[in-house]
């Protein structure tokens, strides 16, 4: 067996109708969000599904697993980044009232977390632990249903990118991303505080 496994397909949840940093708020999908996800998975095949426990991911993952007869695991470690005091605040309001702090966060999210927010070290550790636990067996195709921030951080890790690049990584609603992954691969996790 090779030390480098094929990896995962990461699927971001669909539209929730919200215009704020949702983080770990548990929003449902809109009808548009459901339609986006159904269209995104058409023509793709997987052997099992692993999903964030938040409704905007888990609801669709349950539907897809039932429809296709696939094994499903729900893992709370795949939840979105916890934005602390910024969760649920409209993005325009944050930009107006805390524009400098918001810009600093996107320049260097490791050094400038939101007030009361999760550290990027914690975020990275839990995401890596979730993927390591879900590692595909030889030839197995695994779909991970998760969030935009999670996909951005995991892509930074897999691609050796700086975390300040996260804002420039396009992760649209229902976007599907291939992520090479190996339990044995060295990772540059965000530094601990």
N, C-alpha and C. Protein backbone atom coordinates (compact mmCIF):
# COMPACT_ATOMS: atom_id res chain seq x y z
N UNK A 1 0.84 -1.19 0.00
CA UNK A 1 0.00 0.00 0.00
C UNK A 1 0.88 1.25 0.00
N UNK A 2 0.56 2.19 -0.82
CA UNK A 2 1.33 3.43 -0.93
C UNK A 2 1.12 4.32 0.28
N UNK A 3 2.17 5.08 0.64
CA UNK A 3 2.07 6.02 1.76
C UNK A 3 1.22 7.23 1.39
N UNK A 4 1.11 7.50 0.10
CA UNK A 4 0.31 8.64 -0.35
C UNK A 4 -1.04 8.12 -0.83
N UNK A 5 -2.07 8.48 -0.12
CA UNK A 5 -3.44 8.07 -0.48
C UNK A 5 -4.00 9.07 -1.49
N UNK A 6 -5.04 8.64 -2.22
CA UNK A 6 -5.58 9.53 -3.24
C UNK A 6 -6.18 10.83 -2.72
N UNK A 7 -6.73 10.82 -1.55
CA UNK A 7 -7.30 12.05 -1.01
C UNK A 7 -8.80 12.05 -0.97
N UNK A 8 -9.36 13.25 -0.97
CA UNK A 8 -10.79 13.45 -0.77
C UNK A 8 -11.35 14.40 -1.81
N UNK A 9 -12.65 14.29 -2.04
CA UNK A 9 -13.39 15.33 -2.73
C UNK A 9 -14.08 16.14 -1.64
N UNK A 10 -13.83 17.44 -1.62
CA UNK A 10 -14.45 18.33 -0.64
C UNK A 10 -15.58 19.09 -1.32
N UNK A 11 -16.74 19.10 -0.70
CA UNK A 11 -17.91 19.79 -1.23
C UNK A 11 -18.37 20.84 -0.21
N UNK A 12 -18.41 22.09 -0.64
CA UNK A 12 -18.93 23.13 0.24
C UNK A 12 -20.46 23.07 0.21
N UNK A 13 -21.06 23.34 1.35
CA UNK A 13 -22.53 23.39 1.43
C UNK A 13 -23.09 24.42 0.44
N UNK A 14 -24.38 24.32 0.19
CA UNK A 14 -25.06 25.27 -0.69
C UNK A 14 -25.47 26.54 0.03
N UNK A 15 -26.18 27.38 -0.68
CA UNK A 15 -26.61 28.69 -0.18
C UNK A 15 -27.52 28.56 1.04
N UNK A 16 -27.29 29.45 2.02
CA UNK A 16 -28.15 29.52 3.21
C UNK A 16 -28.94 30.82 3.26
N UNK A 17 -28.72 31.70 2.30
CA UNK A 17 -29.42 32.97 2.27
C UNK A 17 -28.86 34.01 3.22
N UNK A 18 -27.78 33.70 3.89
CA UNK A 18 -27.21 34.62 4.89
C UNK A 18 -26.09 35.46 4.26
N UNK A 19 -25.93 36.66 4.75
CA UNK A 19 -24.88 37.57 4.26
C UNK A 19 -23.99 38.00 5.43
N UNK A 20 -23.56 37.02 6.20
CA UNK A 20 -22.68 37.29 7.34
C UNK A 20 -21.77 36.09 7.53
N UNK A 21 -20.75 36.27 8.36
CA UNK A 21 -19.89 35.13 8.69
C UNK A 21 -20.70 34.22 9.61
N UNK A 22 -21.08 33.06 9.11
CA UNK A 22 -21.98 32.17 9.85
C UNK A 22 -21.22 31.31 10.85
N UNK A 23 -20.00 30.93 10.51
CA UNK A 23 -19.21 30.13 11.43
C UNK A 23 -19.96 28.90 11.87
N UNK A 24 -20.14 28.73 13.17
CA UNK A 24 -20.78 27.54 13.70
C UNK A 24 -22.26 27.75 14.03
N UNK A 25 -22.85 28.83 13.51
CA UNK A 25 -24.30 28.98 13.61
C UNK A 25 -24.92 27.91 12.71
N UNK A 26 -26.00 27.31 13.15
CA UNK A 26 -26.53 26.12 12.48
C UNK A 26 -27.68 26.46 11.54
N UNK A 27 -27.35 27.00 10.38
CA UNK A 27 -28.34 27.42 9.40
C UNK A 27 -28.77 26.27 8.50
N UNK A 28 -30.02 26.34 8.05
CA UNK A 28 -30.53 25.40 7.06
C UNK A 28 -30.22 25.93 5.66
N UNK A 29 -30.27 25.05 4.70
CA UNK A 29 -30.11 25.43 3.30
C UNK A 29 -31.38 26.07 2.77
N UNK A 30 -31.23 26.97 1.80
CA UNK A 30 -32.37 27.47 1.04
C UNK A 30 -32.70 26.45 -0.04
N UNK A 31 -33.83 26.63 -0.71
CA UNK A 31 -34.15 25.75 -1.84
C UNK A 31 -33.06 25.84 -2.90
N UNK A 32 -32.55 27.06 -3.12
CA UNK A 32 -31.45 27.24 -4.07
C UNK A 32 -30.23 26.43 -3.62
N UNK A 33 -29.94 26.43 -2.31
CA UNK A 33 -28.80 25.67 -1.79
C UNK A 33 -28.93 24.18 -2.05
N UNK A 34 -30.14 23.64 -1.83
CA UNK A 34 -30.38 22.22 -2.12
C UNK A 34 -30.17 21.94 -3.61
N UNK A 35 -30.70 22.81 -4.47
CA UNK A 35 -30.56 22.62 -5.92
C UNK A 35 -29.09 22.71 -6.35
N UNK A 36 -28.34 23.64 -5.77
CA UNK A 36 -26.91 23.76 -6.09
C UNK A 36 -26.18 22.46 -5.78
N UNK A 37 -26.44 21.90 -4.61
CA UNK A 37 -25.75 20.68 -4.20
C UNK A 37 -26.14 19.49 -5.06
N UNK A 38 -27.42 19.35 -5.36
CA UNK A 38 -27.86 18.23 -6.21
C UNK A 38 -27.21 18.31 -7.59
N UNK A 39 -27.10 19.52 -8.12
CA UNK A 39 -26.45 19.69 -9.42
C UNK A 39 -24.95 19.40 -9.33
N UNK A 40 -24.32 19.80 -8.24
CA UNK A 40 -22.87 19.62 -8.09
C UNK A 40 -22.45 18.15 -8.05
N UNK A 41 -23.30 17.29 -7.49
CA UNK A 41 -22.91 15.87 -7.35
C UNK A 41 -23.36 15.01 -8.52
N UNK A 42 -24.18 15.55 -9.40
CA UNK A 42 -24.64 14.78 -10.56
C UNK A 42 -23.44 14.31 -11.38
N UNK A 43 -23.43 13.05 -11.73
CA UNK A 43 -22.35 12.50 -12.54
C UNK A 43 -21.11 12.10 -11.78
N UNK A 44 -21.09 12.27 -10.47
CA UNK A 44 -19.95 11.88 -9.64
C UNK A 44 -20.33 10.66 -8.80
N UNK A 45 -19.33 9.84 -8.50
CA UNK A 45 -19.57 8.65 -7.68
C UNK A 45 -18.58 8.60 -6.52
N UNK A 46 -19.08 8.18 -5.37
CA UNK A 46 -18.24 8.00 -4.18
C UNK A 46 -18.62 6.69 -3.50
N UNK A 47 -17.72 6.24 -2.63
CA UNK A 47 -17.96 5.01 -1.87
C UNK A 47 -18.53 5.29 -0.49
N UNK A 48 -18.22 6.46 0.06
CA UNK A 48 -18.80 6.86 1.35
C UNK A 48 -18.70 8.37 1.49
N UNK A 49 -19.43 8.87 2.49
CA UNK A 49 -19.52 10.31 2.73
C UNK A 49 -19.19 10.59 4.19
N UNK A 50 -18.45 11.68 4.41
CA UNK A 50 -18.17 12.19 5.75
C UNK A 50 -18.63 13.65 5.73
N UNK A 51 -19.34 14.08 6.78
CA UNK A 51 -19.91 15.42 6.76
C UNK A 51 -19.74 16.15 8.08
N UNK A 52 -19.65 17.46 7.97
CA UNK A 52 -19.79 18.34 9.13
C UNK A 52 -21.14 18.06 9.78
N UNK A 53 -21.22 18.29 11.07
CA UNK A 53 -22.48 18.07 11.79
C UNK A 53 -23.48 19.22 11.63
N UNK A 54 -23.05 20.34 11.08
CA UNK A 54 -23.97 21.47 10.92
C UNK A 54 -24.99 21.17 9.82
N UNK A 55 -26.24 21.61 10.02
CA UNK A 55 -27.36 21.26 9.13
C UNK A 55 -27.11 21.57 7.67
N UNK A 56 -26.43 22.68 7.38
CA UNK A 56 -26.24 23.06 5.99
C UNK A 56 -25.37 22.06 5.24
N UNK A 57 -24.65 21.22 5.96
CA UNK A 57 -23.87 20.13 5.35
C UNK A 57 -24.54 18.78 5.59
N UNK A 58 -24.86 18.49 6.84
CA UNK A 58 -25.35 17.16 7.22
C UNK A 58 -26.69 16.82 6.59
N UNK A 59 -27.57 17.80 6.41
CA UNK A 59 -28.87 17.53 5.80
C UNK A 59 -28.71 16.97 4.40
N UNK A 60 -27.88 17.63 3.59
CA UNK A 60 -27.66 17.15 2.23
C UNK A 60 -26.89 15.83 2.23
N UNK A 61 -25.90 15.70 3.10
CA UNK A 61 -25.11 14.46 3.15
C UNK A 61 -26.02 13.27 3.46
N UNK A 62 -26.97 13.45 4.38
CA UNK A 62 -27.91 12.37 4.71
C UNK A 62 -28.78 12.02 3.50
N UNK A 63 -29.26 13.05 2.81
CA UNK A 63 -30.08 12.79 1.62
C UNK A 63 -29.28 12.02 0.57
N UNK A 64 -28.07 12.48 0.28
CA UNK A 64 -27.25 11.84 -0.75
C UNK A 64 -26.89 10.41 -0.37
N UNK A 65 -26.52 10.19 0.88
CA UNK A 65 -26.17 8.84 1.33
C UNK A 65 -27.37 7.90 1.21
N UNK A 66 -28.55 8.36 1.60
CA UNK A 66 -29.75 7.53 1.51
C UNK A 66 -30.11 7.23 0.05
N UNK A 67 -30.03 8.24 -0.79
CA UNK A 67 -30.38 8.07 -2.20
C UNK A 67 -29.45 7.10 -2.91
N UNK A 68 -28.17 7.12 -2.55
CA UNK A 68 -27.18 6.29 -3.25
C UNK A 68 -26.76 5.05 -2.46
N UNK A 69 -27.30 4.85 -1.29
CA UNK A 69 -26.95 3.68 -0.49
C UNK A 69 -25.50 3.70 0.00
N UNK A 70 -25.03 4.87 0.41
CA UNK A 70 -23.64 5.02 0.85
C UNK A 70 -23.54 5.13 2.36
N UNK A 71 -22.42 4.67 2.90
CA UNK A 71 -22.14 4.85 4.32
C UNK A 71 -21.91 6.33 4.58
N UNK A 72 -22.38 6.81 5.74
CA UNK A 72 -22.24 8.21 6.11
C UNK A 72 -21.73 8.31 7.53
N UNK A 73 -20.72 9.17 7.72
CA UNK A 73 -20.21 9.51 9.05
C UNK A 73 -20.39 11.01 9.24
N UNK A 74 -20.88 11.39 10.41
CA UNK A 74 -21.00 12.80 10.77
C UNK A 74 -19.88 13.11 11.75
N UNK A 75 -19.10 14.15 11.46
CA UNK A 75 -17.95 14.49 12.30
C UNK A 75 -17.98 15.99 12.63
N UNK A 76 -18.22 16.31 13.89
CA UNK A 76 -18.30 17.71 14.32
C UNK A 76 -16.99 18.46 14.10
N UNK A 77 -15.87 17.74 13.97
CA UNK A 77 -14.59 18.41 13.74
C UNK A 77 -14.52 19.09 12.38
N UNK A 78 -15.43 18.75 11.48
CA UNK A 78 -15.47 19.36 10.15
C UNK A 78 -16.30 20.64 10.11
N UNK A 79 -16.77 21.10 11.26
CA UNK A 79 -17.56 22.34 11.32
C UNK A 79 -16.72 23.52 10.85
N UNK A 80 -17.41 24.57 10.49
CA UNK A 80 -16.76 25.80 10.04
C UNK A 80 -15.96 26.43 11.18
N UNK A 81 -15.07 27.33 10.82
CA UNK A 81 -14.30 28.13 11.76
C UNK A 81 -15.26 28.89 12.68
N UNK A 82 -14.93 28.96 13.96
CA UNK A 82 -15.76 29.71 14.90
C UNK A 82 -15.31 31.17 14.87
N UNK A 83 -16.16 32.04 14.35
CA UNK A 83 -15.83 33.46 14.18
C UNK A 83 -16.03 34.29 15.44
N UNK A 84 -16.29 33.68 16.56
CA UNK A 84 -16.41 34.42 17.82
C UNK A 84 -17.46 35.51 17.74
N UNK A 85 -17.09 36.72 18.14
CA UNK A 85 -18.03 37.85 18.18
C UNK A 85 -18.52 38.27 16.80
N UNK A 86 -17.87 37.81 15.75
CA UNK A 86 -18.28 38.18 14.39
C UNK A 86 -19.36 37.26 13.83
N UNK A 87 -19.64 36.14 14.47
CA UNK A 87 -20.65 35.22 13.94
C UNK A 87 -22.01 35.90 13.89
N UNK A 88 -22.64 35.84 12.73
CA UNK A 88 -23.96 36.39 12.55
C UNK A 88 -24.02 37.88 12.29
N UNK A 89 -22.90 38.57 12.36
CA UNK A 89 -22.87 40.02 12.10
C UNK A 89 -22.79 40.22 10.58
N UNK A 90 -23.67 41.04 10.00
CA UNK A 90 -23.59 41.27 8.56
C UNK A 90 -22.19 41.74 8.14
N UNK A 91 -21.73 41.22 7.03
CA UNK A 91 -20.38 41.53 6.53
C UNK A 91 -20.22 43.04 6.34
N UNK A 92 -21.25 43.71 5.80
CA UNK A 92 -21.17 45.16 5.61
C UNK A 92 -20.98 45.89 6.94
N UNK A 93 -21.66 45.43 7.98
CA UNK A 93 -21.53 46.04 9.31
C UNK A 93 -20.11 45.86 9.84
N UNK A 94 -19.58 44.66 9.69
CA UNK A 94 -18.20 44.42 10.13
C UNK A 94 -17.22 45.32 9.38
N UNK A 95 -17.41 45.42 8.08
CA UNK A 95 -16.51 46.25 7.27
C UNK A 95 -16.57 47.71 7.71
N UNK A 96 -17.76 48.19 8.04
CA UNK A 96 -17.91 49.59 8.47
C UNK A 96 -17.37 49.82 9.87
N UNK A 97 -17.69 48.92 10.80
CA UNK A 97 -17.38 49.14 12.21
C UNK A 97 -16.03 48.58 12.65
N UNK A 98 -15.55 47.54 11.98
CA UNK A 98 -14.29 46.90 12.37
C UNK A 98 -13.43 46.59 11.15
N UNK A 99 -13.44 47.52 10.21
CA UNK A 99 -12.75 47.31 8.94
C UNK A 99 -11.28 46.96 9.07
N UNK A 100 -10.57 47.64 9.96
CA UNK A 100 -9.14 47.35 10.13
C UNK A 100 -8.92 45.95 10.69
N UNK A 101 -9.72 45.57 11.67
CA UNK A 101 -9.59 44.23 12.26
C UNK A 101 -9.94 43.15 11.24
N UNK A 102 -10.97 43.40 10.43
CA UNK A 102 -11.37 42.45 9.40
C UNK A 102 -10.28 42.30 8.34
N UNK A 103 -9.70 43.41 7.90
CA UNK A 103 -8.61 43.36 6.92
C UNK A 103 -7.40 42.64 7.50
N UNK A 104 -7.09 42.89 8.77
CA UNK A 104 -5.96 42.21 9.42
C UNK A 104 -6.20 40.71 9.51
N UNK A 105 -7.43 40.32 9.80
CA UNK A 105 -7.78 38.89 9.85
C UNK A 105 -7.50 38.23 8.50
N UNK A 106 -7.97 38.82 7.42
CA UNK A 106 -7.78 38.19 6.12
C UNK A 106 -6.32 38.25 5.64
N UNK A 107 -5.56 39.25 6.09
CA UNK A 107 -4.13 39.29 5.76
C UNK A 107 -3.37 38.18 6.48
N UNK A 108 -3.69 38.00 7.77
CA UNK A 108 -2.99 37.00 8.59
C UNK A 108 -3.95 36.46 9.65
N UNK A 109 -4.78 35.47 9.26
CA UNK A 109 -5.78 34.96 10.20
C UNK A 109 -5.17 34.26 11.41
N UNK A 110 -3.94 33.82 11.30
CA UNK A 110 -3.28 33.15 12.43
C UNK A 110 -3.00 34.17 13.54
N UNK A 111 -2.48 35.33 13.17
CA UNK A 111 -2.10 36.35 14.15
C UNK A 111 -3.26 37.26 14.56
N UNK A 112 -4.33 37.28 13.76
CA UNK A 112 -5.41 38.25 14.00
C UNK A 112 -6.79 37.60 14.02
N UNK A 113 -7.05 36.66 14.93
CA UNK A 113 -8.37 36.04 14.97
C UNK A 113 -9.44 37.04 15.41
N UNK A 114 -10.69 36.79 15.07
CA UNK A 114 -11.76 37.67 15.55
C UNK A 114 -11.86 37.61 17.08
N UNK A 115 -12.38 38.66 17.70
CA UNK A 115 -12.54 38.63 19.16
C UNK A 115 -13.41 37.44 19.57
N UNK A 116 -12.91 36.65 20.50
CA UNK A 116 -13.65 35.47 20.96
C UNK A 116 -13.63 34.31 19.99
N UNK A 117 -12.88 34.43 18.89
CA UNK A 117 -12.86 33.40 17.86
C UNK A 117 -11.90 32.27 18.17
N UNK A 118 -12.08 31.20 17.46
CA UNK A 118 -11.22 30.03 17.55
C UNK A 118 -9.84 30.39 17.00
N UNK A 119 -8.77 29.82 17.55
CA UNK A 119 -7.46 30.04 16.95
C UNK A 119 -7.33 29.18 15.70
N UNK A 120 -6.49 29.62 14.78
CA UNK A 120 -6.29 28.84 13.56
C UNK A 120 -5.57 27.53 13.87
N UNK A 121 -4.79 27.51 14.92
CA UNK A 121 -4.14 26.27 15.34
C UNK A 121 -5.21 25.24 15.72
N UNK A 122 -6.20 25.64 16.52
CA UNK A 122 -7.29 24.74 16.90
C UNK A 122 -8.07 24.29 15.67
N UNK A 123 -8.38 25.23 14.80
CA UNK A 123 -9.13 24.94 13.58
C UNK A 123 -8.39 23.92 12.73
N UNK A 124 -7.11 24.18 12.47
CA UNK A 124 -6.30 23.26 11.66
C UNK A 124 -6.16 21.89 12.29
N UNK A 125 -5.93 21.84 13.59
CA UNK A 125 -5.78 20.54 14.27
C UNK A 125 -7.03 19.70 14.14
N UNK A 126 -8.20 20.29 14.36
CA UNK A 126 -9.42 19.48 14.32
C UNK A 126 -9.76 19.04 12.90
N UNK A 127 -9.50 19.91 11.91
CA UNK A 127 -9.75 19.51 10.53
C UNK A 127 -8.82 18.37 10.10
N UNK A 128 -7.54 18.49 10.43
CA UNK A 128 -6.58 17.43 10.08
C UNK A 128 -6.94 16.12 10.77
N UNK A 129 -7.32 16.19 12.03
CA UNK A 129 -7.71 14.97 12.76
C UNK A 129 -8.92 14.32 12.11
N UNK A 130 -9.88 15.12 11.67
CA UNK A 130 -11.07 14.57 11.01
C UNK A 130 -10.72 13.88 9.71
N UNK A 131 -9.88 14.51 8.89
CA UNK A 131 -9.50 13.88 7.62
C UNK A 131 -8.63 12.65 7.85
N UNK A 132 -7.72 12.71 8.80
CA UNK A 132 -6.90 11.54 9.09
C UNK A 132 -7.77 10.36 9.50
N UNK A 133 -8.81 10.62 10.29
CA UNK A 133 -9.72 9.56 10.74
C UNK A 133 -10.58 9.01 9.60
N UNK A 134 -10.82 9.81 8.59
CA UNK A 134 -11.67 9.41 7.47
C UNK A 134 -10.88 8.91 6.27
N UNK A 135 -9.59 8.71 6.42
CA UNK A 135 -8.69 8.38 5.32
C UNK A 135 -9.25 7.26 4.43
N UNK A 136 -9.29 7.49 3.13
CA UNK A 136 -9.78 6.46 2.22
C UNK A 136 -8.88 5.22 2.22
N UNK A 137 -9.49 4.07 2.07
CA UNK A 137 -8.75 2.83 1.84
C UNK A 137 -8.32 2.83 0.38
N UNK A 138 -7.44 1.95 0.01
CA UNK A 138 -6.94 1.89 -1.37
C UNK A 138 -8.11 1.85 -2.36
N UNK A 139 -8.12 2.79 -3.27
CA UNK A 139 -9.13 2.84 -4.32
C UNK A 139 -10.48 3.41 -3.89
N UNK A 140 -10.65 3.72 -2.63
CA UNK A 140 -11.93 4.22 -2.14
C UNK A 140 -12.06 5.72 -2.43
N UNK A 141 -13.25 6.12 -2.84
CA UNK A 141 -13.55 7.53 -3.11
C UNK A 141 -14.43 8.06 -1.98
N UNK A 142 -13.96 9.11 -1.33
CA UNK A 142 -14.67 9.66 -0.17
C UNK A 142 -15.03 11.12 -0.44
N UNK A 143 -16.31 11.44 -0.22
CA UNK A 143 -16.80 12.81 -0.31
C UNK A 143 -16.88 13.39 1.10
N UNK A 144 -16.30 14.58 1.28
CA UNK A 144 -16.38 15.30 2.55
C UNK A 144 -17.22 16.55 2.32
N UNK A 145 -18.35 16.65 3.03
CA UNK A 145 -19.23 17.81 2.92
C UNK A 145 -18.90 18.75 4.07
N UNK A 146 -18.42 19.94 3.74
CA UNK A 146 -17.92 20.85 4.78
C UNK A 146 -18.17 22.30 4.38
N UNK A 147 -17.32 23.19 4.81
CA UNK A 147 -17.55 24.64 4.76
C UNK A 147 -16.43 25.36 4.01
N UNK A 148 -16.72 26.60 3.61
CA UNK A 148 -15.76 27.39 2.85
C UNK A 148 -14.45 27.62 3.57
N UNK A 149 -14.50 28.01 4.83
CA UNK A 149 -13.27 28.24 5.60
C UNK A 149 -12.46 26.98 5.77
N UNK A 150 -13.15 25.86 6.00
CA UNK A 150 -12.46 24.58 6.15
C UNK A 150 -11.75 24.19 4.86
N UNK A 151 -12.43 24.35 3.74
CA UNK A 151 -11.82 24.01 2.45
C UNK A 151 -10.62 24.91 2.17
N UNK A 152 -10.75 26.19 2.46
CA UNK A 152 -9.63 27.11 2.24
C UNK A 152 -8.42 26.74 3.09
N UNK A 153 -8.64 26.46 4.37
CA UNK A 153 -7.51 26.11 5.23
C UNK A 153 -6.87 24.79 4.78
N UNK A 154 -7.69 23.80 4.45
CA UNK A 154 -7.15 22.51 4.01
C UNK A 154 -6.39 22.65 2.69
N UNK A 155 -6.87 23.47 1.80
CA UNK A 155 -6.14 23.70 0.55
C UNK A 155 -4.82 24.40 0.81
N UNK A 156 -4.79 25.36 1.74
CA UNK A 156 -3.52 26.00 2.10
C UNK A 156 -2.53 24.96 2.61
N UNK A 157 -2.99 24.06 3.46
CA UNK A 157 -2.12 23.00 3.99
C UNK A 157 -1.61 22.09 2.87
N UNK A 158 -2.53 21.59 2.04
CA UNK A 158 -2.17 20.64 1.00
C UNK A 158 -1.30 21.26 -0.09
N UNK A 159 -1.51 22.54 -0.37
CA UNK A 159 -0.79 23.22 -1.44
C UNK A 159 0.42 24.01 -0.95
N UNK A 160 0.68 23.98 0.36
CA UNK A 160 1.81 24.71 0.92
C UNK A 160 1.68 26.22 0.81
N UNK A 161 0.46 26.72 0.83
CA UNK A 161 0.20 28.15 0.68
C UNK A 161 0.17 28.84 2.04
N UNK A 162 0.40 30.14 2.01
CA UNK A 162 0.31 30.97 3.21
C UNK A 162 -1.17 31.15 3.56
N UNK A 163 -1.47 31.21 4.85
CA UNK A 163 -2.87 31.37 5.28
C UNK A 163 -3.44 32.72 4.87
N UNK A 164 -2.60 33.70 4.63
CA UNK A 164 -3.06 34.98 4.12
C UNK A 164 -3.62 34.88 2.71
N UNK A 165 -3.39 33.75 2.03
CA UNK A 165 -3.94 33.51 0.69
C UNK A 165 -5.39 33.03 0.72
N UNK A 166 -5.90 32.72 1.91
CA UNK A 166 -7.23 32.11 2.00
C UNK A 166 -8.32 32.91 1.31
N UNK A 167 -8.29 34.23 1.47
CA UNK A 167 -9.35 35.06 0.88
C UNK A 167 -9.36 34.96 -0.64
N UNK A 168 -8.22 34.63 -1.24
CA UNK A 168 -8.14 34.53 -2.69
C UNK A 168 -8.47 33.16 -3.25
N UNK A 169 -8.79 32.20 -2.39
CA UNK A 169 -9.15 30.86 -2.86
C UNK A 169 -10.65 30.83 -3.09
N UNK A 170 -11.05 30.60 -4.32
CA UNK A 170 -12.46 30.63 -4.69
C UNK A 170 -13.15 29.34 -4.24
N UNK A 171 -14.11 29.47 -3.35
CA UNK A 171 -14.86 28.32 -2.84
C UNK A 171 -16.35 28.69 -2.87
N UNK A 172 -16.96 28.61 -4.05
CA UNK A 172 -18.37 28.99 -4.15
C UNK A 172 -19.28 27.97 -3.45
N UNK A 173 -20.51 28.39 -3.19
CA UNK A 173 -21.48 27.44 -2.65
C UNK A 173 -21.57 26.23 -3.58
N UNK A 174 -21.59 25.05 -3.00
CA UNK A 174 -21.67 23.78 -3.73
C UNK A 174 -20.45 23.54 -4.62
N UNK A 175 -19.34 24.23 -4.35
CA UNK A 175 -18.11 24.00 -5.11
C UNK A 175 -17.46 22.69 -4.69
N UNK A 176 -16.99 21.94 -5.66
CA UNK A 176 -16.34 20.64 -5.44
C UNK A 176 -14.84 20.80 -5.68
N UNK A 177 -14.03 20.34 -4.72
CA UNK A 177 -12.58 20.51 -4.76
C UNK A 177 -11.90 19.19 -4.47
N UNK A 178 -10.93 18.81 -5.30
CA UNK A 178 -10.12 17.61 -5.04
C UNK A 178 -8.98 17.99 -4.11
N UNK A 179 -8.77 17.20 -3.06
CA UNK A 179 -7.72 17.48 -2.07
C UNK A 179 -6.84 16.26 -1.90
N UNK A 180 -5.58 16.31 -2.37
CA UNK A 180 -4.66 15.21 -2.06
C UNK A 180 -4.39 15.19 -0.57
N UNK A 181 -4.31 14.00 0.03
CA UNK A 181 -4.14 13.92 1.48
C UNK A 181 -3.43 12.63 1.86
N UNK A 182 -2.54 12.73 2.82
CA UNK A 182 -1.87 11.56 3.37
C UNK A 182 -1.68 11.77 4.87
N UNK A 183 -1.96 10.75 5.64
CA UNK A 183 -1.75 10.83 7.09
C UNK A 183 -0.28 11.08 7.38
N UNK A 184 0.61 10.54 6.53
CA UNK A 184 2.05 10.64 6.77
C UNK A 184 2.69 11.91 6.23
N UNK A 185 1.95 12.68 5.46
CA UNK A 185 2.53 13.89 4.86
C UNK A 185 2.83 14.94 5.92
N UNK A 186 3.99 15.59 5.81
CA UNK A 186 4.27 16.68 6.76
C UNK A 186 3.31 17.84 6.51
N UNK A 187 2.88 18.48 7.57
CA UNK A 187 1.95 19.61 7.45
C UNK A 187 2.47 20.79 8.24
N UNK A 188 2.27 21.96 7.69
CA UNK A 188 2.64 23.20 8.36
C UNK A 188 1.37 23.78 8.98
N UNK A 189 0.99 23.22 10.13
CA UNK A 189 -0.20 23.70 10.82
C UNK A 189 0.01 25.13 11.31
N UNK A 190 -1.08 25.89 11.43
CA UNK A 190 -0.93 27.22 12.02
C UNK A 190 -0.27 27.11 13.39
N UNK A 191 0.57 28.08 13.70
CA UNK A 191 1.29 28.03 14.97
C UNK A 191 0.33 28.18 16.15
N UNK A 192 0.69 27.56 17.24
CA UNK A 192 -0.11 27.67 18.46
C UNK A 192 0.07 29.06 19.05
N UNK A 193 -0.97 29.57 19.73
CA UNK A 193 -0.86 30.92 20.30
C UNK A 193 0.16 30.98 21.42
